[in-house]
Amino acid sequence: MNKLAEKILNFAVELTEVKSIVGTAGERDSTQKVWDRLSEMSYFKEHPDQLYFVDVDGDSLKRNSVLAMVKGNKEDSQKTVVMIGHTDTVGTSDYGEIEAFATRPHELPDKYSQVHIPEDASKDLASGEYLFGRGIFDMKTGVSTLVHVLEVLSEQVDELEGNVILAAVCDEEGNSGGMLQVVPELLRLQKEHGFEYQAMLDTDYSAPRFEGDQTRYLYIGTVGKLMPSFYVVGSEAHSGDPFRGIDPNHISSAIMEEMDYNMEYAEEAEGEVTVPPSSLRQKDLKPEYSVQTAKTSFVYFNFSTHTSTPDELLEKVRAGANKAFQKVVDRLTEQYRIYAKRSGFEFHELPWKARVLTYAELLDKVKAERGEEVDQRLDELQQRLLADPTIDERDHAMQMVAQLHSLWSDQEPVVLAYYSPPYYPHIYVKDEMPKEKALLQAVEKALENCDSDYDIQMRKFYPYISDLSYAAAPREAGAVESLQDNMPGFGVKYRLPLEEMRQLNLPVVNIGPFGKDAHKFTERVQKDYSYHVAPMLVLDTVKNLLD
């Protein structure tokens, strides 16, 4: 193992041993560890003002991110590459009886003998080619790579034309509080130093895309994420006379059937296909047991995007919800006709009509009826919700919808479509703009110069949600406005620096370590590629971008 690979591996293990579960004070220990390592470097001893923490505003845990700058001395170029990586991890409870060793890569292998692990993981364990542990793959190996690539560059400043910024961010596995604070800081630095940002590079994990896949992937661009949500208002009834009502659970289940894992809602661009939508929550809002059917329910989904903007997707899912609602109405009519015939009753048409409104449309209707009182009532609710830290962004949004609907004179069945947080824009690098072309060429050149026997391929769209999404925001007219208008609590409970993201407007690339089972108790990173090959691809790509 060469010296650079050894340093990356050793620090990755050290960083993994710092338990930094998202949403805990341990996150601060992880960013401190990164800061400590960077502060040991000669460059930052000479330039201490170029290494500092960026705090997450208003964070009860006082979490922070680390930002480090290396400025090249060759020529007078202001070209700058931004490198990012996250220092937090998901939890460790999935390790069960061996949880105490989840973050100890050198001790954990022996403990697997006490539990059953899948055959593939068992083979990799026996091979000695992998390091196991929570965070070693996602993504402390990637962070260690960036730290030591920066060190290499800091030792070559006289030959370095341009600048490099490293942001080691917290809270990526949660609400991306670290990255959302770093975005405006990058713009501040740009204004202060005259930086000309070229691209953003991440080293988050890269895994097999199918069983037996041995390809190593570099991803240009990244997938996006939207959370279409549906607040369903039915009409309650005694369960002994159910046809006098319409069950909101029936409607939300029909929406579930329409959208969940439905490839018709998947998106394709340049041969890259997103995963289909999947539900993340579904429940009714009836607080007690009784033989009355529920009045309201809600359901929300994870949608991955390659091309759809918030306004476009909202119209697509609105049509899907209306289709599902109409199926429920048709089925109820059919079943009531059968019930009436078998019971000897005269059949009468049921009164239910399928209708779907967006949150923005509902707000307009209610304001037309009640004027300024609506804003006052919603503001009062928001303040009460903000005072309760146990209410997360999704519940905050849902309760805002419920309150707005309660103010409406029309209490007939309806589906209200809106967005729940968070939002991750997709970034589609199309080889159209100069910075896009430069990034594609930089990665292609790095691949050409790579002396490796691995099958390494460049693909579009990093397929896992990551902080890369915050390097840009949709510029299409009305796209972002639709998100803001239809995400209750936007700007209050959930903040997103959309204007700053639009100003950054960077193409992105992910060049990460190879491994398996991120977020599983058999999480592991393959040593040879991850510590020898991937770091050189990162280093070459950065140099190519600045050349």
Protein backbone atom coordinates (compact mmCIF):
# COMPACT_ATOMS: atom_id res chain seq x y z
CA MET A 1 0.00 0.00 0.00
CA ASN A 2 1.48 3.36 -1.02
CA LYS A 3 1.92 6.17 1.49
CA LEU A 4 -1.10 8.21 0.40
CA ALA A 5 -3.41 5.18 0.43
CA GLU A 6 -2.15 4.20 3.86
CA LYS A 7 -2.79 7.69 5.25
CA ILE A 8 -6.31 7.74 3.80
CA LEU A 9 -7.12 4.31 5.20
CA ASN A 10 -5.72 5.04 8.65
CA PHE A 11 -7.59 8.31 9.03
CA ALA A 12 -10.79 6.74 7.68
CA VAL A 13 -10.56 4.19 10.50
CA GLU A 14 -9.83 6.90 13.07
CA LEU A 15 -12.79 8.91 11.83
CA THR A 16 -15.04 5.85 11.88
CA GLU A 17 -14.12 5.24 15.52
CA VAL A 18 -15.67 8.63 16.32
CA LYS A 19 -19.35 7.81 16.78
CA SER A 20 -21.15 10.59 14.93
CA ILE A 21 -24.74 9.47 14.55
CA VAL A 22 -26.90 12.08 12.87
CA GLY A 23 -28.90 14.17 15.30
CA THR A 24 -26.51 13.63 18.22
CA ALA A 25 -23.77 15.70 19.83
CA GLY A 26 -21.30 13.13 18.46
CA GLU A 27 -21.48 14.94 15.14
CA ARG A 28 -19.39 17.74 16.66
CA ASP A 29 -16.71 15.22 17.63
CA SER A 30 -16.44 14.11 14.02
CA THR A 31 -16.03 17.59 12.56
CA GLN A 32 -13.54 18.38 15.32
CA LYS A 33 -11.54 15.31 14.29
CA VAL A 34 -11.41 16.57 10.71
CA TRP A 35 -10.39 20.04 11.87
CA ASP A 36 -7.65 18.57 14.07
CA ARG A 37 -6.21 16.59 11.16
CA LEU A 38 -6.27 19.57 8.81
CA SER A 39 -4.71 21.85 11.43
CA GLU A 40 -1.68 19.53 11.59
CA MET A 41 -0.85 20.31 7.95
CA SER A 42 1.95 22.79 7.26
CA TYR A 43 -0.23 24.85 4.95
CA PHE A 44 -2.84 25.58 7.61
CA LYS A 45 -0.20 26.30 10.21
CA GLU A 46 0.90 29.06 7.85
CA HIS A 47 -2.65 30.06 6.89
CA PRO A 48 -4.81 29.43 9.99
CA ASP A 49 -7.46 31.88 8.78
CA GLN A 50 -8.23 29.52 5.88
CA LEU A 51 -9.45 26.75 8.18
CA TYR A 52 -12.55 27.35 10.26
CA PHE A 53 -15.93 26.05 11.40
CA VAL A 54 -19.28 26.99 9.88
CA ASP A 55 -21.99 26.71 12.52
CA VAL A 56 -25.52 25.51 11.84
CA ASP A 57 -27.67 28.47 12.82
CA GLY A 58 -30.13 27.85 15.63
CA ASP A 59 -29.09 24.23 16.06
CA SER A 60 -29.82 22.94 19.56
CA LEU A 61 -26.86 20.54 19.29
CA LYS A 62 -24.51 23.33 18.16
CA ARG A 63 -23.33 21.24 15.23
CA ASN A 64 -20.93 22.62 12.68
CA SER A 65 -19.06 21.91 9.47
CA VAL A 66 -15.40 22.39 8.62
CA LEU A 67 -14.31 24.62 5.77
CA ALA A 68 -10.74 24.68 4.47
CA MET A 69 -9.23 26.67 1.58
CA VAL A 70 -6.00 26.07 -0.31
CA LYS A 71 -4.94 28.83 -2.69
CA GLY A 72 -2.57 28.09 -5.54
CA ASN A 73 0.39 30.37 -6.27
CA LYS A 74 0.82 29.63 -9.97
CA GLU A 75 -0.43 32.42 -12.26
CA ASP A 76 -3.33 34.50 -10.98
CA SER A 77 -6.22 32.15 -11.62
CA GLN A 78 -9.40 32.45 -9.61
CA LYS A 79 -10.69 29.09 -10.81
CA THR A 80 -11.92 27.20 -7.76
CA VAL A 81 -13.13 23.64 -7.19
CA VAL A 82 -15.40 22.86 -4.24
CA MET A 83 -15.10 19.43 -2.61
CA ILE A 84 -17.71 18.21 -0.12
CA GLY A 85 -18.21 15.21 2.13
CA HIS A 86 -20.36 14.46 5.18
CA THR A 87 -19.04 13.44 8.57
CA ASP A 88 -22.22 12.04 10.14
CA THR A 89 -23.64 8.51 9.91
CA VAL A 90 -26.92 6.73 10.42
CA GLY A 91 -27.47 4.92 13.73
CA THR A 92 -25.99 1.63 14.92
CA SER A 93 -28.96 -0.17 16.51
CA ASP A 94 -29.12 -2.55 13.54
CA TYR A 95 -25.90 -4.20 14.81
CA GLY A 96 -27.88 -5.72 17.67
CA GLU A 97 -25.76 -7.60 20.20
CA ILE A 98 -22.49 -6.44 18.61
CA GLU A 99 -23.50 -2.75 18.48
CA ALA A 100 -20.65 -1.74 20.78
CA PHE A 101 -18.21 -2.70 18.00
CA ALA A 102 -20.11 -1.09 15.10
CA THR A 103 -17.59 1.75 14.82
CA ARG A 104 -14.45 -0.31 15.45
CA PRO A 105 -13.32 -1.59 12.03
CA HIS A 106 -10.38 -3.59 13.39
CA GLU A 107 -12.40 -5.38 16.08
CA LEU A 108 -15.76 -5.80 14.36
CA PRO A 109 -14.79 -8.72 12.03
CA ASP A 110 -14.23 -11.09 14.95
CA LYS A 111 -17.62 -10.18 16.40
CA TYR A 112 -19.52 -11.22 13.27
CA SER A 113 -19.00 -14.84 14.37
CA GLN A 114 -21.60 -14.17 17.07
CA VAL A 115 -24.35 -13.27 14.58
CA HIS A 116 -25.62 -14.50 11.24
CA ILE A 117 -24.54 -12.43 8.25
CA PRO A 118 -25.53 -12.89 4.59
CA GLU A 119 -23.42 -15.17 2.41
CA ASP A 120 -22.08 -12.33 0.25
CA ALA A 121 -20.91 -10.42 3.33
CA SER A 122 -19.40 -13.57 4.78
CA LYS A 123 -17.34 -14.11 1.61
CA ASP A 124 -16.14 -10.52 1.64
CA LEU A 125 -15.23 -10.82 5.30
CA ALA A 126 -13.17 -13.96 4.67
CA SER A 127 -11.40 -12.39 1.69
CA GLY A 128 -9.72 -9.73 3.79
CA GLU A 129 -10.34 -7.25 0.99
CA TYR A 130 -12.92 -5.20 2.89
CA LEU A 131 -13.11 -3.02 5.98
CA PHE A 132 -16.38 -3.24 7.91
CA GLY A 133 -18.02 -0.68 10.17
CA ARG A 134 -20.71 1.95 10.45
CA GLY A 135 -19.58 4.93 8.43
CA ILE A 136 -16.40 3.44 7.00
CA PHE A 137 -18.17 3.32 3.62
CA ASP A 138 -20.82 6.04 4.03
CA MET A 139 -18.80 8.15 4.04
CA LYS A 140 -15.73 8.50 6.22
CA THR A 141 -13.46 6.90 3.64
CA GLY A 142 -14.65 9.61 1.24
CA VAL A 143 -14.00 12.37 3.77
CA SER A 144 -10.52 11.00 4.49
CA THR A 145 -9.88 10.96 0.74
CA LEU A 146 -10.78 14.64 0.45
CA VAL A 147 -8.69 15.61 3.48
CA HIS A 148 -5.59 13.95 2.06
CA VAL A 149 -6.15 15.09 -1.52
CA LEU A 150 -6.27 18.59 -0.08
CA GLU A 151 -3.04 17.89 1.76
CA VAL A 152 -1.34 16.80 -1.47
CA LEU A 153 -2.52 19.98 -3.18
CA SER A 154 -1.43 22.12 -0.24
CA GLU A 155 2.10 20.75 -0.67
CA GLN A 156 2.06 21.75 -4.35
CA VAL A 157 0.77 25.32 -4.12
CA ASP A 158 3.58 26.71 -6.26
CA GLU A 159 2.45 24.44 -9.10
CA LEU A 160 -1.27 24.80 -8.32
CA GLU A 161 -3.15 27.10 -10.66
CA GLY A 162 -6.36 28.04 -8.90
CA ASN A 163 -7.93 27.20 -5.57
CA VAL A 164 -9.60 24.31 -3.78
CA ILE A 165 -12.21 24.46 -1.02
CA LEU A 166 -13.12 21.51 1.20
CA ALA A 167 -16.37 21.49 3.15
CA ALA A 168 -16.74 18.58 5.57
CA VAL A 169 -20.39 18.92 6.52
CA CYS A 170 -22.63 17.63 9.29
CA ASP A 171 -26.25 16.45 9.20
CA GLU A 172 -26.28 15.01 5.67
CA GLU A 173 -28.15 11.93 6.87
CA GLY A 174 -30.80 14.18 8.43
CA ASN A 175 -31.91 17.54 7.06
CA SER A 176 -28.63 18.68 5.46
CA GLY A 177 -28.26 21.53 7.94
CA GLY A 178 -24.51 21.60 7.40
CA MET A 179 -24.62 21.91 3.62
CA LEU A 180 -27.47 24.42 3.67
CA GLN A 181 -25.28 26.66 5.86
CA VAL A 182 -22.22 26.12 3.65
CA VAL A 183 -24.01 27.25 0.47
CA PRO A 184 -24.33 30.93 1.48
CA GLU A 185 -20.81 30.76 2.95
CA LEU A 186 -19.48 29.73 -0.47
CA LEU A 187 -21.12 32.78 -2.00
CA ARG A 188 -19.61 35.00 0.69
CA LEU A 189 -16.17 33.61 -0.09
CA GLN A 190 -16.77 34.08 -3.79
CA LYS A 191 -17.56 37.74 -3.24
CA GLU A 192 -14.63 38.28 -0.86
CA HIS A 193 -11.96 36.45 -2.87
CA GLY A 194 -13.26 36.68 -6.43
CA PHE A 195 -13.45 32.89 -6.77
CA GLU A 196 -14.69 31.49 -10.07
CA TYR A 197 -16.31 28.22 -9.05
CA GLN A 198 -15.93 25.48 -11.65
CA ALA A 199 -17.67 22.43 -10.17
CA MET A 200 -18.56 20.64 -6.97
CA LEU A 201 -17.03 17.22 -6.27
CA ASP A 202 -18.30 14.72 -3.70
CA THR A 203 -16.79 11.41 -2.60
CA ASP A 204 -19.92 9.72 -1.30
CA TYR A 205 -20.17 5.97 -1.68
CA SER A 206 -20.53 4.01 -4.92
CA ALA A 207 -22.06 0.52 -4.82
CA PRO A 208 -22.98 -2.30 -7.23
CA ARG A 209 -26.16 -1.45 -9.14
CA PHE A 210 -27.26 -5.08 -9.51
CA GLU A 211 -26.33 -8.53 -8.23
CA GLY A 212 -22.75 -9.39 -9.20
CA ASP A 213 -21.97 -5.93 -10.58
CA GLN A 214 -18.19 -5.33 -10.43
CA THR A 215 -18.13 -2.01 -12.29
CA ARG A 216 -16.78 1.07 -10.52
CA TYR A 217 -18.88 4.15 -11.28
CA LEU A 218 -18.17 7.86 -11.46
CA TYR A 219 -21.36 9.92 -11.60
CA ILE A 220 -21.79 13.25 -13.38
CA GLY A 221 -24.86 15.05 -12.03
CA THR A 222 -27.19 13.82 -9.33
CA VAL A 223 -30.71 12.56 -8.82
CA GLY A 224 -33.29 14.81 -7.19
CA LYS A 225 -35.97 14.15 -4.59
CA LEU A 226 -39.47 15.53 -4.09
CA MET A 227 -42.08 14.47 -1.55
CA PRO A 228 -45.59 14.72 -3.05
CA SER A 229 -48.10 14.47 -0.21
CA PHE A 230 -51.85 14.05 -0.05
CA TYR A 231 -54.22 15.17 2.69
CA VAL A 232 -57.41 13.20 2.11
CA VAL A 233 -60.78 14.39 3.36
CA GLY A 234 -63.53 11.79 3.29
CA SER A 235 -67.00 11.70 4.77
CA GLU A 236 -67.40 9.83 8.03
CA ALA A 237 -70.13 7.25 8.57
CA HIS A 238 -71.22 4.58 11.05
CA SER A 239 -69.54 1.34 10.05
CA GLY A 240 -72.99 -0.28 10.11
CA ASP A 241 -74.05 2.04 7.28
CA PRO A 242 -70.78 2.60 5.38
CA PHE A 243 -72.20 3.71 2.03
CA ARG A 244 -73.38 6.96 3.65
CA GLY A 245 -69.74 7.99 3.82
CA ILE A 246 -66.53 7.65 1.89
CA ASP A 247 -63.46 6.34 3.70
CA PRO A 248 -60.33 8.52 3.37
CA ASN A 249 -58.24 5.40 3.99
CA HIS A 250 -59.82 3.89 0.91
CA ILE A 251 -58.82 6.94 -1.13
CA SER A 252 -55.28 7.17 0.22
CA SER A 253 -54.86 3.43 -0.37
CA ALA A 254 -55.97 3.93 -3.97
CA ILE A 255 -53.38 6.69 -4.33
CA MET A 256 -50.87 4.27 -2.83
CA GLU A 257 -51.80 1.61 -5.37
CA GLU A 258 -51.56 4.14 -8.18
CA MET A 259 -48.10 5.47 -7.30
CA ASP A 260 -46.19 3.11 -5.04
CA TYR A 261 -43.45 1.32 -7.03
CA ASN A 262 -45.16 2.34 -10.28
CA MET A 263 -42.54 2.65 -13.02
CA GLU A 264 -44.87 4.93 -14.97
CA TYR A 265 -43.74 7.65 -12.57
CA ALA A 266 -40.03 6.86 -12.99
CA GLU A 267 -37.98 9.21 -15.14
CA GLU A 268 -35.39 8.48 -17.79
CA ALA A 269 -32.63 10.65 -19.22
CA GLU A 270 -29.73 9.49 -21.40
CA GLY A 271 -30.51 5.88 -20.57
CA GLU A 272 -30.46 6.51 -16.81
CA VAL A 273 -33.68 5.52 -15.05
CA THR A 274 -34.80 6.62 -11.60
CA VAL A 275 -36.26 4.22 -9.09
CA PRO A 276 -40.07 4.38 -8.94
CA PRO A 277 -41.80 6.34 -6.17
CA SER A 278 -42.15 4.68 -2.78
CA SER A 279 -44.40 5.57 0.13
CA LEU A 280 -42.74 6.81 3.28
CA ARG A 281 -45.84 7.21 5.45
CA GLN A 282 -49.56 6.52 5.41
CA LYS A 283 -52.04 6.88 8.24
CA ASP A 284 -55.48 8.18 9.14
CA LEU A 285 -55.91 11.03 11.60
CA LYS A 286 -58.71 9.65 13.72
CA PRO A 287 -57.51 10.05 17.33
CA GLU A 288 -59.65 7.39 19.02
CA TYR A 289 -61.26 4.00 18.50
CA SER A 290 -64.93 4.00 17.55
CA VAL A 291 -67.20 2.41 14.95
CA GLN A 292 -67.18 5.67 13.01
CA THR A 293 -65.05 5.68 9.90
CA ALA A 294 -62.23 8.23 9.74
CA LYS A 295 -62.70 11.74 8.40
CA THR A 296 -59.15 12.39 7.20
CA SER A 297 -55.94 10.61 6.31
CA PHE A 298 -52.65 11.43 4.64
CA VAL A 299 -49.92 9.76 2.66
CA TYR A 300 -46.60 10.93 1.24
CA PHE A 301 -44.11 9.52 -1.22
CA ASN A 302 -40.46 9.71 -2.16
CA PHE A 303 -40.13 10.64 -5.84
CA SER A 304 -36.76 10.62 -7.59
CA THR A 305 -36.27 13.07 -10.44
CA HIS A 306 -33.93 13.49 -13.38
CA THR A 307 -35.88 16.09 -15.33
CA SER A 308 -39.17 17.05 -13.61
CA THR A 309 -39.31 20.37 -11.79
CA PRO A 310 -41.65 20.84 -8.79
CA ASP A 311 -44.40 22.45 -10.85
CA GLU A 312 -44.30 19.68 -13.46
CA LEU A 313 -44.34 16.85 -10.94
CA LEU A 314 -47.19 18.39 -8.97
CA GLU A 315 -49.40 18.34 -12.03
CA LYS A 316 -48.41 14.75 -12.77
CA VAL A 317 -49.23 13.45 -9.29
CA ARG A 318 -52.38 15.54 -9.12
CA ALA A 319 -53.65 13.73 -12.21
CA GLY A 320 -52.67 10.40 -10.66
CA ALA A 321 -54.50 11.20 -7.41
CA ASN A 322 -57.61 12.19 -9.33
CA LYS A 323 -57.47 8.92 -11.26
CA ALA A 324 -57.20 7.00 -7.98
CA PHE A 325 -60.05 8.96 -6.37
CA GLN A 326 -62.30 8.27 -9.35
CA LYS A 327 -61.56 4.53 -9.07
CA VAL A 328 -62.75 4.61 -5.47
CA VAL A 329 -65.94 6.42 -6.43
CA ASP A 330 -66.59 3.92 -9.25
CA ARG A 331 -65.93 0.94 -7.00
CA LEU A 332 -68.21 2.27 -4.24
CA THR A 333 -70.97 2.81 -6.77
CA GLU A 334 -70.55 -0.72 -8.09
CA GLN A 335 -70.51 -2.28 -4.62
CA TYR A 336 -73.49 -0.21 -3.45
CA ARG A 337 -75.45 -1.30 -6.52
CA ILE A 338 -74.72 -4.96 -5.60
CA TYR A 339 -75.61 -4.32 -1.93
CA ALA A 340 -78.88 -2.60 -2.81
CA LYS A 341 -79.91 -5.38 -5.19
CA ARG A 342 -79.12 -8.18 -2.74
CA SER A 343 -80.88 -6.31 0.10
CA GLY A 344 -83.96 -5.43 -1.92
CA PHE A 345 -83.33 -1.68 -1.68
CA GLU A 346 -83.89 0.88 -4.38
CA PHE A 347 -80.51 1.98 -5.78
CA HIS A 348 -79.67 5.70 -5.69
CA GLU A 349 -76.53 7.28 -7.10
CA LEU A 350 -73.97 8.04 -4.42
CA PRO A 351 -73.06 11.75 -4.11
CA TRP A 352 -69.26 11.42 -4.24
CA LYS A 353 -67.24 13.29 -6.84
CA ALA A 354 -63.50 12.95 -7.38
CA ARG A 355 -61.64 16.21 -6.98
CA VAL A 356 -58.05 17.15 -6.23
CA LEU A 357 -56.81 20.63 -5.31
CA THR A 358 -53.28 21.87 -4.69
CA TYR A 359 -52.44 23.63 -1.44
CA ALA A 360 -52.02 26.92 -3.33
CA GLU A 361 -55.47 26.55 -4.89
CA LEU A 362 -57.05 25.82 -1.51
CA LEU A 363 -55.32 28.85 0.00
CA ASP A 364 -56.79 31.09 -2.72
CA LYS A 365 -60.29 29.70 -2.15
CA VAL A 366 -60.18 30.10 1.62
CA LYS A 367 -58.71 33.61 1.41
CA ALA A 368 -61.50 34.58 -0.99
CA GLU A 369 -63.95 33.60 1.76
CA ARG A 370 -62.20 34.81 4.89
CA GLY A 371 -59.58 37.35 3.85
CA GLU A 372 -56.72 38.31 6.15
CA GLU A 373 -58.02 36.09 8.95
CA VAL A 374 -56.52 33.13 7.11
CA ASP A 375 -52.94 34.39 7.36
CA GLN A 376 -53.46 35.24 11.01
CA ARG A 377 -54.80 31.77 11.85
CA LEU A 378 -52.01 30.03 9.94
CA ASP A 379 -49.34 32.20 11.59
CA GLU A 380 -50.74 31.42 15.04
CA LEU A 381 -50.65 27.70 14.28
CA GLN A 382 -47.09 27.93 12.96
CA GLN A 383 -45.90 29.58 16.16
CA ARG A 384 -47.48 26.83 18.26
CA LEU A 385 -45.93 24.15 16.08
CA LEU A 386 -42.50 25.80 16.16
CA ALA A 387 -42.63 25.82 19.95
CA ASP A 388 -42.85 22.01 19.98
CA PRO A 389 -39.49 20.48 18.95
CA THR A 390 -41.05 17.02 18.64
CA ILE A 391 -43.00 18.07 15.54
CA ASP A 392 -40.91 17.48 12.46
CA GLU A 393 -41.12 19.22 9.11
CA ARG A 394 -43.49 16.66 7.60
CA ASP A 395 -46.03 16.85 10.43
CA HIS A 396 -45.71 20.63 10.47
CA ALA A 397 -46.71 20.77 6.81
CA MET A 398 -49.59 18.32 7.27
CA GLN A 399 -51.04 20.26 10.21
CA MET A 400 -50.90 23.46 8.18
CA VAL A 401 -52.95 21.80 5.45
CA ALA A 402 -55.43 20.50 8.02
CA GLN A 403 -55.84 23.94 9.57
CA LEU A 404 -56.35 25.62 6.21
CA HIS A 405 -58.94 23.05 5.18
CA SER A 406 -60.82 23.50 8.47
CA LEU A 407 -61.33 27.17 7.59
CA TRP A 408 -63.01 26.34 4.27
CA SER A 409 -66.78 26.37 4.03
CA ASP A 410 -66.72 23.40 1.64
CA GLN A 411 -66.29 20.23 3.71
CA GLU A 412 -67.13 17.76 0.96
CA PRO A 413 -64.60 14.99 0.20
CA VAL A 414 -61.42 16.23 -1.46
CA VAL A 415 -57.77 15.33 -1.90
CA LEU A 416 -55.31 18.15 -1.21
CA ALA A 417 -51.96 17.77 -2.96
CA TYR A 418 -48.90 19.51 -1.54
CA TYR A 419 -45.18 19.01 -0.93
CA SER A 420 -43.57 17.89 2.29
CA PRO A 421 -39.93 18.74 3.04
CA PRO A 422 -37.18 18.09 2.17
CA TYR A 423 -36.44 19.02 -1.41
CA TYR A 424 -33.31 17.95 -3.27
CA PRO A 425 -33.03 19.38 -6.80
CA HIS A 426 -31.69 17.09 -9.49
CA ILE A 427 -28.68 18.36 -11.41
CA TYR A 428 -28.57 17.27 -15.02
CA VAL A 429 -25.16 17.89 -16.62
CA LYS A 430 -25.97 18.06 -20.33
CA ASP A 431 -22.65 19.02 -21.93
CA GLU A 432 -24.19 22.30 -23.07
CA MET A 433 -22.65 25.00 -20.86
CA PRO A 434 -18.89 25.68 -20.63
CA LYS A 435 -18.63 24.48 -17.02
CA GLU A 436 -20.50 21.29 -17.90
CA LYS A 437 -18.17 20.61 -20.80
CA ALA A 438 -15.13 21.31 -18.63
CA LEU A 439 -16.28 18.89 -15.93
CA LEU A 440 -17.01 16.11 -18.40
CA GLN A 441 -13.63 16.60 -20.03
CA ALA A 442 -11.85 16.68 -16.66
CA VAL A 443 -13.37 13.36 -15.60
CA GLU A 444 -12.78 11.75 -18.99
CA LYS A 445 -9.12 12.80 -18.88
CA ALA A 446 -8.75 11.42 -15.34
CA LEU A 447 -10.17 8.10 -16.54
CA GLU A 448 -7.80 8.03 -19.52
CA ASN A 449 -4.82 8.55 -17.23
CA CYS A 450 -5.99 5.98 -14.69
CA ASP A 451 -3.67 2.97 -14.54
CA SER A 452 -6.08 0.35 -13.24
CA ASP A 453 -7.48 -3.03 -14.18
CA TYR A 454 -10.92 -2.14 -12.84
CA ASP A 455 -13.84 -1.57 -15.18
CA ILE A 456 -14.53 2.09 -14.39
CA GLN A 457 -17.43 3.81 -16.11
CA MET A 458 -18.76 7.36 -16.13
CA ARG A 459 -22.52 7.54 -15.69
CA LYS A 460 -25.06 10.34 -15.38
CA PHE A 461 -26.94 11.07 -12.15
CA TYR A 462 -25.53 9.94 -8.82
CA PRO A 463 -28.43 7.64 -7.82
CA TYR A 464 -28.48 8.27 -4.06
CA ILE A 465 -29.78 11.43 -2.41
CA SER A 466 -26.85 13.61 -1.39
CA ASP A 467 -25.80 17.16 -0.59
CA LEU A 468 -24.62 17.57 -4.18
CA SER A 469 -28.20 18.62 -4.95
CA TYR A 470 -27.61 21.95 -3.24
CA ALA A 471 -25.01 23.10 -5.76
CA ALA A 472 -27.80 24.41 -8.00
CA ALA A 473 -31.56 25.00 -8.22
CA PRO A 474 -34.07 24.95 -11.08
CA ARG A 475 -34.00 28.06 -13.22
CA GLU A 476 -37.18 27.34 -15.19
CA ALA A 477 -39.87 29.97 -14.74
CA GLY A 478 -42.33 29.02 -12.00
CA ALA A 479 -40.54 25.85 -10.93
CA VAL A 480 -39.28 27.01 -7.57
CA GLU A 481 -42.28 29.26 -6.98
CA SER A 482 -44.55 26.22 -7.27
CA LEU A 483 -42.51 24.49 -4.58
CA GLN A 484 -42.70 27.48 -2.24
CA ASP A 485 -46.43 27.98 -2.80
CA ASN A 486 -47.27 24.33 -2.21
CA MET A 487 -44.96 23.44 0.69
CA PRO A 488 -46.63 24.61 3.92
CA GLY A 489 -44.07 25.93 6.36
CA PHE A 490 -41.50 26.76 3.68
CA GLY A 491 -39.26 29.55 4.92
CA VAL A 492 -40.47 29.11 8.51
CA LYS A 493 -40.08 25.48 9.62
CA TYR A 494 -38.11 24.42 6.55
CA ARG A 495 -35.54 26.75 5.04
CA LEU A 496 -33.73 26.27 1.78
CA PRO A 497 -31.31 28.85 0.31
CA LEU A 498 -32.82 28.58 -3.15
CA GLU A 499 -31.56 31.92 -4.44
CA GLU A 500 -28.01 31.16 -3.27
CA MET A 501 -28.23 27.72 -4.90
CA ARG A 502 -29.31 29.36 -8.13
CA GLN A 503 -26.33 31.69 -7.94
CA LEU A 504 -23.88 28.80 -7.40
CA ASN A 505 -25.34 26.88 -10.34
CA LEU A 506 -22.52 24.32 -10.44
CA PRO A 507 -22.19 21.03 -12.31
CA VAL A 508 -21.41 18.17 -9.95
CA VAL A 509 -19.56 14.88 -9.88
CA ASN A 510 -19.30 12.03 -7.38
CA ILE A 511 -16.10 9.96 -7.29
CA GLY A 512 -16.49 7.72 -4.29
CA PRO A 513 -15.10 4.58 -2.72
CA PHE A 514 -16.49 1.21 -3.72
CA GLY A 515 -18.23 -1.01 -1.21
CA LYS A 516 -21.48 -2.63 -0.20
CA ASP A 517 -24.42 -2.44 2.19
CA ALA A 518 -24.50 1.22 3.13
CA HIS A 519 -26.94 1.68 6.02
CA LYS A 520 -26.81 -2.05 6.82
CA PHE A 521 -24.99 -3.79 9.65
CA THR A 522 -22.67 -5.37 7.07
CA GLU A 523 -21.59 -1.97 5.68
CA ARG A 524 -18.11 -2.33 4.20
CA VAL A 525 -15.62 -0.69 1.89
CA GLN A 526 -13.36 -2.48 -0.60
CA LYS A 527 -9.81 -1.45 0.20
CA ASP A 528 -7.83 -1.64 -3.02
CA TYR A 529 -10.02 0.52 -5.28
CA SER A 530 -11.17 2.83 -2.49
CA TYR A 531 -7.73 3.73 -1.15
CA HIS A 532 -5.52 3.40 -4.22
CA VAL A 533 -7.60 4.19 -7.29
CA ALA A 534 -10.47 6.48 -6.31
CA PRO A 535 -8.24 9.08 -4.56
CA MET A 536 -6.10 9.45 -7.68
CA LEU A 537 -9.20 9.94 -9.81
CA VAL A 538 -10.32 12.67 -7.40
CA LEU A 539 -6.91 14.35 -7.44
CA ASP A 540 -6.61 14.22 -11.23
CA THR A 541 -10.15 15.52 -11.76
CA VAL A 542 -9.47 18.52 -9.50
CA LYS A 543 -6.21 19.29 -11.27
CA ASN A 544 -7.84 18.92 -14.68
CA LEU A 545 -10.58 21.36 -13.69
CA LEU A 546 -8.00 23.94 -12.63
CA ASP A 547 -5.65 23.35 -15.59
